[in-house]
Protein backbone atom coordinates (compact mmCIF):
# COMPACT_ATOMS: atom_id res chain seq x y z
CA MET A 1 -41.21 -12.81 17.64
CA LYS A 2 -39.07 -15.31 19.49
CA LEU A 3 -39.24 -18.93 18.31
CA ASP A 4 -39.83 -21.57 21.13
CA THR A 5 -37.49 -23.99 19.55
CA GLU A 6 -34.46 -23.59 17.10
CA LEU A 7 -35.17 -24.23 13.55
CA ASP A 8 -34.19 -27.40 12.12
CA PHE A 9 -32.65 -26.33 8.85
CA GLN A 10 -31.82 -29.81 7.63
CA ALA A 11 -35.38 -30.78 8.02
CA ILE A 12 -36.63 -27.60 6.07
CA PHE A 13 -34.16 -28.33 3.45
CA ASN A 14 -35.32 -31.94 3.04
CA SER A 15 -38.90 -30.71 2.90
CA LEU A 16 -38.52 -28.27 0.02
CA PRO A 17 -40.51 -29.34 -2.88
CA SER A 18 -37.88 -28.09 -5.41
CA PRO A 19 -34.79 -30.19 -5.98
CA PHE A 20 -31.50 -28.75 -4.44
CA MET A 21 -28.10 -30.08 -4.51
CA VAL A 22 -24.86 -28.73 -2.99
CA MET A 23 -21.22 -29.09 -4.25
CA ASN A 24 -17.76 -27.97 -3.03
CA VAL A 25 -15.37 -26.03 -4.95
CA ASN A 26 -14.12 -29.34 -6.57
CA PHE A 27 -17.68 -30.07 -7.75
CA GLU A 28 -17.94 -32.89 -5.30
CA ILE A 29 -21.65 -33.46 -4.01
CA VAL A 30 -21.65 -32.74 -0.25
CA ALA A 31 -25.64 -32.38 0.18
CA MET A 32 -28.99 -32.74 -1.56
CA ASN A 33 -32.58 -32.70 -0.53
CA GLN A 34 -35.17 -35.46 -1.05
CA ALA A 35 -36.80 -33.85 -4.00
CA TYR A 36 -33.21 -33.92 -5.68
CA LEU A 37 -33.10 -37.74 -4.91
CA ASP A 38 -36.63 -38.25 -6.33
CA VAL A 39 -36.13 -36.37 -9.58
CA THR A 40 -32.68 -38.02 -10.31
CA MET A 41 -33.72 -41.30 -9.19
CA ARG A 42 -30.57 -41.77 -6.87
CA THR A 43 -29.76 -42.76 -3.31
CA ARG A 44 -27.99 -40.35 -0.83
CA GLU A 45 -25.24 -42.82 -0.43
CA SER A 46 -24.58 -43.05 -4.17
CA LEU A 47 -24.21 -39.24 -4.56
CA ILE A 48 -22.38 -37.99 -1.42
CA GLY A 49 -18.64 -37.25 -2.13
CA ALA A 50 -18.96 -38.26 -5.65
CA TYR A 51 -17.67 -35.95 -8.54
CA VAL A 52 -20.82 -34.57 -10.19
CA PHE A 53 -19.79 -35.54 -13.74
CA LYS A 54 -18.90 -39.02 -12.43
CA ALA A 55 -22.36 -39.21 -10.78
CA PHE A 56 -24.16 -37.72 -13.86
CA PRO A 57 -21.75 -38.32 -16.93
CA ALA A 58 -22.44 -36.57 -20.17
CA GLU A 59 -20.41 -35.48 -23.08
CA GLY A 60 -20.46 -32.85 -25.84
CA GLU A 61 -22.29 -29.49 -25.64
CA SER A 62 -24.47 -30.56 -22.55
CA ARG A 63 -21.40 -31.25 -20.45
CA ARG A 64 -19.73 -28.19 -21.44
CA LEU A 65 -22.68 -25.86 -20.81
CA LEU A 66 -23.08 -27.12 -17.41
CA GLN A 67 -19.23 -27.22 -16.53
CA ASP A 68 -18.86 -23.46 -17.69
CA SER A 69 -21.85 -22.49 -15.54
CA PHE A 70 -20.38 -24.20 -12.31
CA GLU A 71 -16.97 -22.58 -13.01
CA ARG A 72 -18.48 -19.16 -13.38
CA VAL A 73 -20.25 -19.25 -10.02
CA ARG A 74 -17.22 -20.75 -8.39
CA ASP A 75 -14.46 -18.36 -9.86
CA GLN A 76 -16.60 -15.29 -10.06
CA GLY A 77 -18.79 -15.56 -7.22
CA ILE A 78 -22.07 -14.84 -9.28
CA VAL A 79 -25.36 -16.50 -9.81
CA ASP A 80 -25.72 -18.40 -13.24
CA VAL A 81 -28.77 -19.54 -14.89
CA LEU A 82 -29.13 -22.17 -17.55
CA PRO A 83 -32.93 -21.60 -18.78
CA VAL A 84 -32.94 -24.99 -20.95
CA LEU A 85 -30.23 -27.48 -20.60
CA PRO A 86 -30.80 -30.75 -22.60
CA TYR A 87 -28.81 -33.36 -20.34
CA PRO A 88 -29.39 -37.10 -20.49
CA ILE A 89 -29.58 -39.07 -17.16
CA LEU A 90 -29.70 -42.59 -16.23
CA GLY A 91 -33.15 -43.82 -15.44
CA LYS A 92 -35.02 -47.17 -14.94
CA GLY A 93 -35.07 -47.96 -18.83
CA GLY A 94 -31.51 -46.93 -19.39
CA LEU A 95 -30.22 -43.53 -20.50
CA GLU A 96 -33.02 -40.92 -20.84
CA GLU A 97 -32.91 -37.68 -22.78
CA ARG A 98 -34.16 -35.02 -20.28
CA SER A 99 -34.22 -31.16 -20.29
CA TRP A 100 -33.53 -29.06 -17.15
CA SER A 101 -33.81 -25.51 -15.98
CA CYS A 102 -30.77 -24.78 -13.65
CA THR A 103 -29.98 -22.04 -11.36
CA HIS A 104 -26.56 -22.21 -9.78
CA VAL A 105 -25.80 -19.76 -6.64
CA PRO A 106 -22.40 -19.39 -4.87
CA ILE A 107 -22.29 -20.09 -1.01
CA LEU A 108 -19.65 -17.96 0.58
CA ASP A 109 -17.55 -18.57 3.74
CA LYS A 110 -16.81 -16.13 6.64
CA ASP A 111 -13.92 -14.66 4.56
CA GLY A 112 -16.40 -13.77 1.38
CA LYS A 113 -14.86 -16.61 -0.59
CA VAL A 114 -16.97 -19.06 -2.60
CA ALA A 115 -17.09 -22.28 -0.57
CA TYR A 116 -19.85 -24.20 -2.10
CA VAL A 117 -21.95 -24.19 -5.24
CA LEU A 118 -26.02 -24.75 -4.83
CA GLN A 119 -27.78 -25.99 -7.60
CA SER A 120 -31.65 -25.71 -7.99
CA THR A 121 -32.89 -27.54 -10.85
CA GLN A 122 -36.16 -28.28 -12.49
CA ASP A 123 -37.02 -31.13 -14.78
CA ILE A 124 -38.69 -29.45 -17.71
CA SER A 125 -38.73 -32.46 -20.12
CA GLN A 126 -42.56 -32.87 -20.07
CA LEU A 127 -42.90 -29.15 -20.86
CA ARG A 128 -40.48 -29.36 -23.80
CA GLN A 129 -42.48 -32.42 -24.99
CA SER A 130 -45.70 -30.43 -24.92
CA THR A 131 -44.12 -27.62 -26.56
CA ASP A 132 -42.91 -29.84 -29.34
CA LEU A 133 -46.33 -31.23 -29.78
CA VAL A 134 -48.00 -27.72 -29.92
CA SER A 135 -45.24 -26.81 -32.28
CA ARG A 136 -46.08 -29.49 -34.60
CA SER A 137 -49.80 -28.87 -34.59
CA GLU A 138 -49.51 -25.22 -34.95
CA ALA A 139 -47.09 -25.95 -37.82
CA ALA A 140 -49.54 -27.96 -39.60
CA ALA A 141 -52.53 -25.64 -38.91
CA SER A 142 -50.60 -22.47 -40.02
CA GLY A 143 -48.83 -23.79 -43.01
CA GLY A 144 -45.43 -24.00 -41.60
CA ALA A 145 -45.11 -21.55 -38.66
CA ASP A 146 -42.47 -23.12 -36.27
CA VAL A 147 -43.30 -22.44 -32.48
CA SER A 148 -40.30 -24.49 -31.72
CA HIS A 149 -38.16 -22.21 -33.79
CA ARG A 150 -39.53 -19.15 -31.77
CA LEU A 151 -38.72 -21.01 -28.54
CA GLY A 152 -35.17 -21.48 -29.82
CA MET A 153 -34.96 -17.78 -30.55
CA VAL A 154 -36.17 -16.88 -26.99
CA GLN A 155 -33.50 -19.30 -25.55
CA ALA A 156 -30.82 -17.81 -27.74
CA LEU A 157 -31.82 -14.30 -26.55
CA ASN A 158 -31.72 -15.58 -22.83
CA GLN A 159 -28.34 -16.91 -23.44
CA THR A 160 -27.31 -13.52 -24.95
CA LEU A 161 -28.48 -11.52 -22.09
CA LEU A 162 -26.90 -13.92 -19.50
CA ALA A 163 -23.53 -13.68 -21.42
CA THR A 164 -23.83 -9.84 -21.55
CA ALA A 165 -24.54 -9.99 -17.73
CA HIS A 166 -21.68 -12.16 -16.98
CA HIS A 167 -19.32 -10.07 -19.09
CA LEU A 168 -20.51 -6.92 -17.37
CA ASN A 169 -20.07 -8.48 -13.98
CA ARG A 170 -16.55 -9.57 -14.97
CA ILE A 171 -15.61 -6.08 -15.87
CA PHE A 172 -17.00 -4.82 -12.58
CA MET A 173 -15.46 -7.47 -10.54
CA ASP A 174 -11.92 -7.14 -12.15
CA ALA A 175 -11.81 -3.48 -12.43
CA PRO A 176 -8.63 -1.81 -10.95
CA ASN A 177 -10.51 0.78 -9.16
CA PHE A 178 -12.61 -0.16 -6.08
CA MET A 179 -16.30 -0.18 -6.64
CA CYS A 180 -19.45 -1.05 -4.52
CA VAL A 181 -23.29 -0.58 -4.73
CA LEU A 182 -25.09 0.27 -1.69
CA GLN A 183 -28.87 -0.22 -1.23
CA GLY A 184 -31.25 1.90 0.77
CA PRO A 185 -30.56 4.62 3.55
CA ASP A 186 -28.73 2.35 5.88
CA HIS A 187 -26.07 1.85 2.89
CA VAL A 188 -26.31 -2.13 2.72
CA PHE A 189 -23.71 -3.68 0.56
CA GLU A 190 -25.17 -5.25 -2.59
CA MET A 191 -22.11 -5.72 -4.68
CA ALA A 192 -18.31 -5.00 -4.01
CA ASN A 193 -15.60 -5.76 -6.45
CA PHE A 194 -12.46 -7.51 -5.73
CA ALA A 195 -10.46 -4.27 -5.49
CA PHE A 196 -12.98 -3.15 -2.74
CA ARG A 197 -12.93 -6.19 -0.74
CA GLU A 198 -9.16 -6.27 -0.87
CA PHE A 199 -9.00 -2.48 0.34
CA ALA A 200 -11.53 -3.43 3.09
CA GLY A 201 -9.19 -6.09 4.27
CA GLY A 202 -11.04 -9.04 2.70
CA ARG A 203 -14.02 -8.72 5.21
CA ASP A 204 -17.51 -10.19 4.42
CA LEU A 205 -19.43 -7.21 3.20
CA ILE A 206 -22.43 -8.28 1.25
CA GLY A 207 -25.74 -7.91 3.00
CA LYS A 208 -24.22 -5.80 5.72
CA THR A 209 -24.64 -2.16 6.24
CA MET A 210 -21.52 0.08 5.79
CA ARG A 211 -21.53 0.81 9.61
CA GLU A 212 -21.62 -2.80 10.34
CA ALA A 213 -19.06 -4.03 7.70
CA LEU A 214 -16.60 -1.26 8.40
CA PRO A 215 -17.14 0.04 11.90
CA GLU A 216 -13.99 2.12 12.05
CA ILE A 217 -15.35 4.71 9.56
CA ALA A 218 -18.28 5.27 11.65
CA ASN A 219 -16.83 8.54 13.17
CA GLN A 220 -15.46 9.65 9.80
CA GLU A 221 -17.12 11.81 7.23
CA TYR A 222 -17.91 9.11 4.81
CA LEU A 223 -21.19 7.94 6.05
CA ASP A 224 -22.32 11.62 6.17
CA ILE A 225 -21.24 12.09 2.49
CA ILE A 226 -23.01 8.99 1.38
CA GLY A 227 -25.96 9.82 3.32
CA ASP A 228 -26.11 13.33 1.57
CA VAL A 229 -25.95 11.88 -1.83
CA TYR A 230 -28.78 9.36 -1.11
CA ARG A 231 -30.91 12.19 0.25
CA THR A 232 -30.28 14.96 -2.28
CA GLY A 233 -29.49 12.82 -5.31
CA LYS A 234 -26.31 14.90 -6.17
CA PRO A 235 -22.95 13.31 -6.71
CA PHE A 236 -19.91 13.88 -4.56
CA VAL A 237 -16.21 14.01 -5.81
CA GLY A 238 -13.42 14.07 -3.41
CA ARG A 239 -9.65 14.03 -3.85
CA LYS A 240 -6.84 12.81 -1.62
CA MET A 241 -9.23 12.35 1.25
CA ARG A 242 -7.84 10.78 4.40
CA ILE A 243 -9.40 7.65 5.56
CA LEU A 244 -8.38 5.35 8.69
CA LEU A 245 -9.12 1.87 7.85
CA GLN A 246 -8.26 -1.70 8.87
CA ASN A 247 -6.66 -2.87 5.50
CA LYS A 248 -5.62 -6.27 6.75
CA PRO A 249 -7.66 -8.99 8.55
CA SER A 250 -7.17 -8.66 12.30
CA GLY A 251 -4.47 -5.80 11.53
CA GLU A 252 -4.20 -2.47 12.96
CA ILE A 253 -6.15 0.60 11.70
CA ALA A 254 -3.87 2.73 9.41
CA GLU A 255 -4.05 6.03 7.47
CA TYR A 256 -4.68 5.81 3.73
CA PHE A 257 -5.64 8.60 1.19
CA ILE A 258 -8.28 8.00 -1.61
CA ASP A 259 -9.75 9.62 -4.53
CA PHE A 260 -13.52 9.00 -3.94
CA VAL A 261 -16.82 9.50 -6.03
CA CYS A 262 -20.24 8.69 -4.88
CA GLN A 263 -23.27 9.09 -6.97
CA PRO A 264 -27.01 8.15 -6.66
CA VAL A 265 -28.54 4.85 -8.07
CA THR A 266 -32.08 5.44 -9.12
CA ASP A 267 -35.07 2.91 -9.53
CA PRO A 268 -37.26 2.57 -12.54
CA ASN A 269 -39.34 5.55 -11.23
CA GLY A 270 -36.51 7.98 -10.94
CA GLU A 271 -36.36 7.69 -7.18
CA VAL A 272 -32.84 7.29 -5.52
CA SER A 273 -32.63 3.60 -4.38
CA GLY A 274 -29.11 3.45 -3.43
CA THR A 275 -25.76 4.84 -3.96
CA TYR A 276 -22.66 3.69 -6.15
CA VAL A 277 -18.99 4.32 -4.86
CA GLU A 278 -15.81 4.38 -6.92
CA GLY A 279 -12.46 5.37 -6.33
CA ASN A 280 -8.74 4.32 -5.99
CA GLU A 281 -5.96 4.58 -3.24
CA VAL A 282 -3.47 7.41 -3.83
CA THR A 283 -1.61 6.93 -0.43
CA ASP A 284 1.70 6.50 -2.32
CA HIS A 285 1.17 9.65 -4.43
CA VAL A 286 0.21 11.76 -1.36
CA ARG A 287 3.08 10.46 0.67
CA ALA A 288 5.32 11.52 -2.18
CA GLU A 289 3.89 14.94 -2.25
CA GLN A 290 4.33 15.40 1.36
CA ARG A 291 7.97 14.25 1.15
CA GLN A 292 8.47 16.70 -1.77
CA ALA A 293 7.00 19.56 0.39
CA LEU A 294 9.30 18.40 3.19
CA LEU A 295 12.41 18.45 1.06
CA ILE A 296 11.42 21.89 -0.32
CA ARG A 297 11.25 23.35 3.17
CA GLU A 298 14.39 21.60 4.22
CA LEU A 299 16.08 23.22 0.98
CA HIS A 300 14.78 26.57 1.97
CA HIS A 301 16.01 26.13 5.52
CA ARG A 302 19.62 24.93 4.27
CA VAL A 303 19.89 27.74 1.88
CA ARG A 304 19.24 30.16 4.43
CA ASN A 305 21.72 28.59 6.76
CA THR A 306 24.25 28.43 4.09
CA LEU A 307 23.98 32.13 3.17
CA ALA A 308 24.22 33.13 6.77
CA THR A 309 27.19 30.95 7.27
CA VAL A 310 28.90 32.54 4.06
CA GLN A 311 28.06 35.96 5.40
CA GLY A 312 29.58 35.06 8.86
CA VAL A 313 32.74 33.46 7.27
CA MET A 314 33.22 36.58 5.08
CA ASN A 315 32.70 39.16 8.11
CA THR A 316 35.01 37.11 10.46
CA THR A 317 37.57 36.55 7.91
CA ALA A 318 37.62 40.02 6.85
CA LYS A 319 38.17 41.24 10.60
CA SER A 320 41.11 38.63 11.10
CA SER A 321 43.05 39.27 7.78
CA ALA A 322 45.60 41.95 7.67
CA THR A 323 45.67 42.14 3.81
CA ILE A 324 43.30 41.70 1.05
CA GLU A 325 45.38 38.87 -0.34
CA GLU A 326 45.20 37.16 3.23
CA PHE A 327 41.44 37.73 3.11
CA GLN A 328 41.19 36.15 -0.35
CA ASP A 329 43.25 33.09 0.35
CA ALA A 330 41.57 32.42 3.67
CA PHE A 331 37.94 33.16 2.26
CA ALA A 332 38.45 30.97 -0.66
CA GLY A 333 39.89 28.07 1.40
CA ARG A 334 36.73 28.22 3.78
CA ILE A 335 34.18 28.40 1.02
CA SER A 336 35.96 25.63 -0.76
CA SER A 337 35.68 23.42 2.49
CA LEU A 338 32.11 24.42 2.71
CA ALA A 339 31.26 23.60 -0.89
CA LYS A 340 33.03 20.12 -0.64
CA THR A 341 30.78 19.18 2.52
CA HIS A 342 27.68 20.13 0.65
CA ALA A 343 28.84 18.36 -2.42
CA VAL A 344 29.28 14.99 -0.32
CA MET A 345 25.96 15.39 1.12
CA THR A 346 24.23 16.04 -2.22
CA ASP A 347 25.59 12.83 -3.73
CA GLU A 348 24.24 10.94 -0.67
CA LEU A 349 20.45 9.97 -0.73
CA ALA A 350 20.46 10.15 3.20
CA GLN A 351 21.87 13.79 3.04
CA SER A 352 24.62 12.75 5.35
CA VAL A 353 28.30 12.50 5.40
CA SER A 354 30.69 10.21 7.19
CA PHE A 355 33.06 11.91 9.91
CA LEU A 356 36.17 10.02 8.53
CA HIS A 357 35.29 11.62 5.05
CA LEU A 358 35.31 14.99 6.55
CA LEU A 359 38.69 14.42 8.09
CA ASN A 360 40.39 12.72 5.10
CA GLN A 361 38.94 15.56 2.80
CA GLU A 362 41.25 17.98 4.77
CA LEU A 363 44.12 15.94 6.09
CA SER A 364 44.84 13.56 3.35
CA PRO A 365 47.05 16.16 1.42
CA PHE A 366 49.41 16.17 4.35
CA SER A 367 49.79 12.17 4.93
CA ASP A 368 52.73 10.39 4.21
CA ASP A 369 53.29 7.01 2.52
CA GLN A 370 53.86 5.08 5.85
CA GLY A 371 50.70 6.72 7.35
CA LEU A 372 52.61 7.90 10.25
CA ARG A 373 52.04 11.52 10.01
CA ILE A 374 48.30 11.41 10.00
CA ARG A 375 46.49 8.98 12.29
CA LEU A 376 42.72 8.74 12.15
CA VAL A 377 41.25 6.02 14.43
CA GLY A 378 37.44 5.61 15.25
CA PRO A 379 34.25 3.91 14.14
CA SER A 380 32.02 4.58 11.14
CA VAL A 381 29.83 7.62 12.10
CA ASP A 382 27.33 9.28 9.80
CA LEU A 383 26.58 12.88 10.38
CA PRO A 384 23.49 14.71 9.33
CA SER A 385 23.71 17.93 7.36
CA GLN A 386 22.96 20.38 10.10
CA ILE A 387 26.07 18.84 12.01
CA ALA A 388 28.15 18.10 8.88
CA VAL A 389 28.48 21.61 7.74
CA PRO A 390 29.80 23.36 10.78
CA LEU A 391 31.89 20.34 11.81
CA GLY A 392 33.42 20.13 8.31
CA MET A 393 34.42 23.89 8.49
CA ALA A 394 35.83 23.42 11.98
CA VAL A 395 38.00 20.52 10.73
CA HIS A 396 39.23 22.77 7.86
CA GLU A 397 40.08 25.64 10.49
CA LEU A 398 42.04 23.10 12.43
CA THR A 399 43.89 21.77 9.47
CA THR A 400 44.76 25.38 8.12
CA ASN A 401 46.10 26.39 11.67
CA ALA A 402 48.01 23.27 11.80
CA ALA A 403 49.55 23.91 8.59
CA LYS A 404 50.33 27.54 9.38
CA HIS A 405 51.40 27.67 12.99
CA GLY A 406 50.99 24.01 14.17
CA ALA A 407 52.22 20.46 13.59
CA LEU A 408 51.79 20.29 10.01
CA SER A 409 54.25 23.25 9.45
CA LYS A 410 57.10 21.08 10.18
CA GLU A 411 58.06 17.88 8.41
CA GLU A 412 58.25 15.72 11.49
CA GLY A 413 54.93 17.02 12.80
CA ARG A 414 52.16 14.55 13.41
CA ILE A 415 48.32 14.85 13.93
CA GLU A 416 46.42 12.01 15.61
CA VAL A 417 42.61 12.09 15.70
CA TYR A 418 40.56 9.50 17.75
CA TRP A 419 36.94 9.43 18.10
CA THR A 420 34.05 7.20 19.28
CA LEU A 421 30.40 7.13 20.13
CA ILE A 422 29.10 7.77 23.70
CA ASP A 423 25.81 8.09 25.30
CA THR A 424 24.86 11.51 26.96
CA ASP A 425 21.68 12.91 28.67
CA ARG A 426 20.93 14.45 25.38
CA GLY A 427 21.35 11.00 23.59
CA SER A 428 24.14 9.64 21.22
CA ALA A 429 27.04 11.83 20.84
CA LEU A 430 30.36 12.04 19.05
CA LEU A 431 33.62 12.29 21.16
CA CYS A 432 36.58 13.50 19.21
CA GLU A 433 40.04 14.20 20.30
CA TRP A 434 42.49 15.96 18.16
CA LYS A 435 46.12 15.94 19.23
CA GLU A 436 49.22 17.60 17.32
CA GLN A 437 52.82 16.49 18.15
CA ASP A 438 56.36 17.29 17.21
CA GLY A 439 55.55 20.77 15.93
CA PRO A 440 56.65 24.10 16.87
CA LEU A 441 56.33 25.39 20.28
CA VAL A 442 52.67 26.39 21.00
CA ILE A 443 51.82 29.79 22.21
CA GLN A 444 48.33 30.93 23.58
CA PRO A 445 47.00 33.26 20.83
CA SER A 446 46.53 36.81 22.04
CA ARG A 447 43.36 37.44 20.00
CA GLU A 448 40.30 35.43 18.95
CA GLY A 449 40.59 34.55 15.22
CA PHE A 450 38.06 32.79 12.92
CA GLY A 451 38.95 29.29 13.98
CA SER A 452 38.71 30.25 17.77
CA MET A 453 35.29 31.83 17.17
CA LEU A 454 34.13 29.00 14.98
CA LEU A 455 35.20 26.31 17.75
CA ASN A 456 33.93 28.51 20.86
CA ARG A 457 30.98 30.00 19.47
CA VAL A 458 29.46 28.38 16.03
CA LEU A 459 29.91 24.74 17.33
CA SER A 460 28.69 25.45 20.81
CA GLN A 461 25.72 27.45 19.99
CA GLN A 462 24.70 26.12 16.51
CA ILE A 463 25.06 22.35 17.30
CA ARG A 464 25.48 22.28 21.13
CA ALA A 465 28.93 20.79 21.17
CA ASP A 466 31.01 20.81 24.19
CA VAL A 467 34.47 22.14 22.92
CA LYS A 468 37.77 22.39 24.95
CA ALA A 469 41.03 23.53 23.54
CA CYS A 470 44.25 23.29 25.24
CA PHE A 471 47.52 25.15 23.99
CA ASP A 472 49.86 22.73 25.35
CA PRO A 473 53.51 23.89 24.66
CA GLU A 474 54.26 20.47 23.34
CA GLY A 475 51.29 20.35 21.02
CA PHE A 476 47.80 21.80 20.51
CA ARG A 477 45.00 19.64 21.82
CA LEU A 478 41.27 19.78 21.23
CA ARG A 479 38.38 17.71 22.72
CA MET A 480 34.77 18.07 21.83
CA ILE A 481 31.48 16.21 22.34
CA VAL A 482 29.09 16.71 19.49
CA PRO A 483 25.39 15.61 20.03
CA LEU A 484 24.07 13.84 16.97
CA GLN A 485 20.64 15.15 17.19
CA ALA A 486 21.23 18.77 16.64
CA GLU A 487 18.68 21.33 17.73
CA ARG A 488 17.38 23.76 15.05
């Protein structure tokens, strides 16, 4: 049914027969209805904006009980009840001893935070006076039975029950795991602790269905799971479950992983009336496991590549060696170079090595004090493992050949290496030029040795490098372009 006119909630508020008063979180009065003004004998002008304990001053236990109740509602977002509160109030004849029954309710803003505290209060002073009269009459008639004492026991029991409820509520709200209670087949949020609200991006949940409050999970499996628990009464336990959630206000939907438990909530008749959800986010743990699995696969890949490289080095070295001694020396040197490159990468968290380090690793033993014999010029370039291993071996072969047959075989011989980064159609690449000078006369080799094979085949095929070698009589030269994103 549609109303012809909009409801005037202010008029309804003022017409309520029970006294109501509203405070902000600083306990300053912002609104009250006429019944509240009547029972407190105050005017609206004297109360609006006033600090409640200045408008209604009191000391001792009465003040402490009332302030503690206000603070529980404000700080914990819970309803709090004071069944009997002795609290004096200024009346026409001065300060009057009065008794009240108070209920304090949190009013939440759009972000789910407490913005106001609503007080519903009833003056029970006459009821207490009547009870005292009955107590005295019954005490005289029964030879000392004290009804007032029994009333005090009931009030103490109520206070104990309230304290227990508040304690359990604090445990629920402050629990590190996220928790919520959903009512009915539509899964309406009845309770949600701070961890759940934070995980849900601080959204307003209470009173909304899960589909309304968290629309991004509508097409995921969670609504079906909770629905099955509600229909069958059988709990569900899930581990490392993937969920797409808007974890921050007005943020993007992101991927998370959760451990998730859902179990039925039953009414006094044993019928399922709702569901209880509890869990915790394990995204970091799952990501760590994924990284570990990736590293293991990478390790297997590298071990296979390294063993294949060692086998290739051994076979080619054997073919190009005339004697067993020559084979041993060449093979040991090449394996040593390979081991040094792997050692550097193992020490680096990024599993990379700088190109300058590869050069220094091989050429530094031949440098002089003036830095004239070995000249290395270029920017800082980090090489990933799949590029650094074959490139390191190539530098080793170039250095070994220069020491045996090229510029480093003579004292006056010099080597200059220049490199830079360039852009190619395959992305960023390393451009390197190796120049030998003042060595013996260079002669074109008559057969392909290991070094030539490494340059012409391995670098070209394994890391897609473009290699051009020039056997200039005045000195060997090499120019290569190495893509920094090697293809596997």
